[in-house]
Amino acid sequence: MPMIVLAAEAAGRPLEAISSPSAGSPVDLAWLIPVVPAISAALLLLFGKRLGRASAWVAVAAVGVSTWLSTTVFVFLAGQPAGERTFIRSLGTWLNAGEMDVEWSILVDPLSSVMLLLVTWVSLFIHLYSVGYMHGDERYSRFFGYLNLFVASMLVLVLGESFVTLFVGWELVGLCSYLLIGFWFERRAYASAATKAFILNRIGDAGFIIAMLVIFAQFGSLSLGAVLPEAATVLTTGTAAVICLLLLIAATGKSAQIPLYVWLPDAMAGPTPVSALIHAATMVTAGVYLIARTSPLYALADDVGLLVATVGIATALITAIIACAQVDLKKILAYSTISQLGYMFVGVGIGDYTAGIFHLLTHGFFKALLFLAAGSVMHALADEADIRRMGGLFRTMPVTATTSAIGVLAIAGLPPLAGFWSKEEILAAAAGSSEAGVVIWALGILVAGLTAFYMTRWFVLIFLGRERWRTVDQPTAPADQEAGVRGGPPRPTLHPHESPPSMTVPLIVLAAASALGGLINIDPETGFLHGWLVGPSVLAFEPQIDVLTGTVQVAAAVLVSVLGIGVAWTMYRRVDIATVGVGGGVRRAAREAFRVDGLYETIVLRPGRLLAEGFSLFDRRGVDGAVNGLARLTGGLATLGRRTQTGFVRSYALAVLGGAVLITMLFIGIIVRTGAN
């Protein structure tokens, strides 16, 4: 197998190439990591009905094999010298057209290895959780087939050694999200949500395609090993900026950033395990991974990097404000995901790729935990999703509530939980990046306080206070009507209880990861993740200014988070539930998500529909009208000609006589005119 270098210069020195692994090493089996769940998906989609409930365990076993292989690959890399942890495994030529020669190869390096661990382990627990959650669904086997395909697609994306291979995984996760978001397609709103996600992702994908065309025009190759090490010598600053902007468009679509974030809240239409998988380990992390993977390109375009960070902090702030006013427990988590992805964009945008990936990993732990906890609550309350109709569940669901508390504190950024370390590293890097970075840091502190506020609100209204779910029929007051509380027939009497072990065991494991996950990179300079990623996979971050000391930065962030928790606790511990989510001004605008969907409908959908109808009319009346008119003219002339063919000799003789008379008259006229001249 060939040698490869997959990073450009770091700290002013070139990285050295490394050799291919010895025969029989775990890297030689890495190609099986996406293949096993892909085969399982095919079997389940073709023969799943015959397997019945056993189909779930086939899917779990497939992901289990991928998890074991991913872990052995990571352990193998950890045993290699620090400068020799990047390998490729070529599986043969895939595309050979003219000057384009694309190998189907996998890339195993420190970045892909940690992504493999996140995707496979989180997916394994989500699969186990789904065994109990999806029990009784009529398309049980199909669900697990789609779930396996989703995991396989994300693994192809992570392991792709070329932009084309990466793009295949990129498109497949988009397809799988469409299938899983619209899994209960009988409900029109769910089918519409799936279509919305699919279309908005296609907008970002167009940027990816154009970026690949520009890259191929510049390098004559789409291999990461051929492009990234040579980026500094081949590309001008302008060309690098164009490529990075196009990749940013792709990343904003997949990772749900402004302006393409509106699909993710609607993605809650899918089953809760799907929401957890999309938000924690697959799909939405792809945009952050893409920017981190192409860090040598972004190093050549600092202004584009600042734009990435600006998009990230703007998205984080706006969606955090929206989350503060939502009443659907899954939509609150959805807007929270968008906001946390904004933090990751800040990290990779300012050049601290390790911090961005660090938060990606810790977020994967606590966001998977929170979504699965939300599913556990909905499972106990007959799919109720309105947090105003919950309360007091701590007593009946102690495991779900306790693990949820850990997840809430982790995402709120309280030490020593995982979210604290990764969020602090991003904020510290922003403060030291530039003068503009100080503004981003200040906004990031504000977002941290809002995050603590809305997540505490989420927890208090679900697990503490009065047991509002006991009410058989909750009247719909005028204020509740404005806020969207459902009225109608009386609610059935509910008997909430703790979820089965297949659902609670994954919660416990993910809670432990949310509590301890920050240990992998406590120190931004000497932590494990920093030494693991910087050099072989991403570029090092060099602070440019020193405005605030580390102690002041940490104290400010923790103080704001504690303040957010305290305010939410005071407001909602004994709140009149009829006022939750009700109000005017900013609160009402936030509850309606600032009507961004309506804005898009006004400036994009309606003009687009009118344009399409205009083209349709032109096609029917103009293009088709011209063709059909010519056909009618030809038919009319043919009809007239056909009438002259009577089949009677006397008719033909009369026609000959008429012709002879006309010719004679013509000659007489010519002779007369000639004689006159």
Foldseek 3Di string as FASTA:
>chain_A
DDKFFQAADFPPDGADIADADDPPALVQVLVLLLVQLLVLLVCLVVPVVVCPLVLLVSLLVSLVVSLVSLVSLVVVLVPDPLRHFKHKDFPAWDDDDVLETDTFMWITALLLSVLSNLLSVLLSLLSLQCSQLVPPPPSSSNLSSLSSQLSSLQNQLSGGQFLVSVVSSLVSNLVSLLCQQCVVVVDVLSNVLSVLLNVLLVQLVVLSVVLQVLQCVQQVYGGSRRDNHCVVPGDALVSLLSSLVSLLSNLCSQLQFPPNNVSQLSSVSGQLSSNLSSLQRDRNCSSLSVLQQNQSSCVSHLVSLVVLLVRLLVLLLLLLLLLQQAFFLSSNLRSLSSNLLSLLSLCSSLANSLLSVLSSSLSNLLSSLSSLLQSQLCVQLVNDGGLLQAAACCVFAVLSLVLLVLSLCLCLQAPPWSNVQSSLVSLQLLCQRDPVSVVSSVSSLVSSLSSLQSSLLSSLSHRHDDGNNQFQADDQDPQNVLQPDDHDDTHDGGDGHYGDPSSSVSSVVSSVCRGPVNQQPNDVVPGNSNSRDDSRRGHHRDGDHCDDDSVVSSVSSNVSSVVSNVVNCVDRNHHPSSCRSGDDDSSVCSNCSVCSVVVCCVPPVVVVVVVVVVVVVCVVCPVVVVVVVVVVVVVVVVVVVVVLPPVDPVSVVVVVVVVVVVVVVVVVVVVVVVVVD
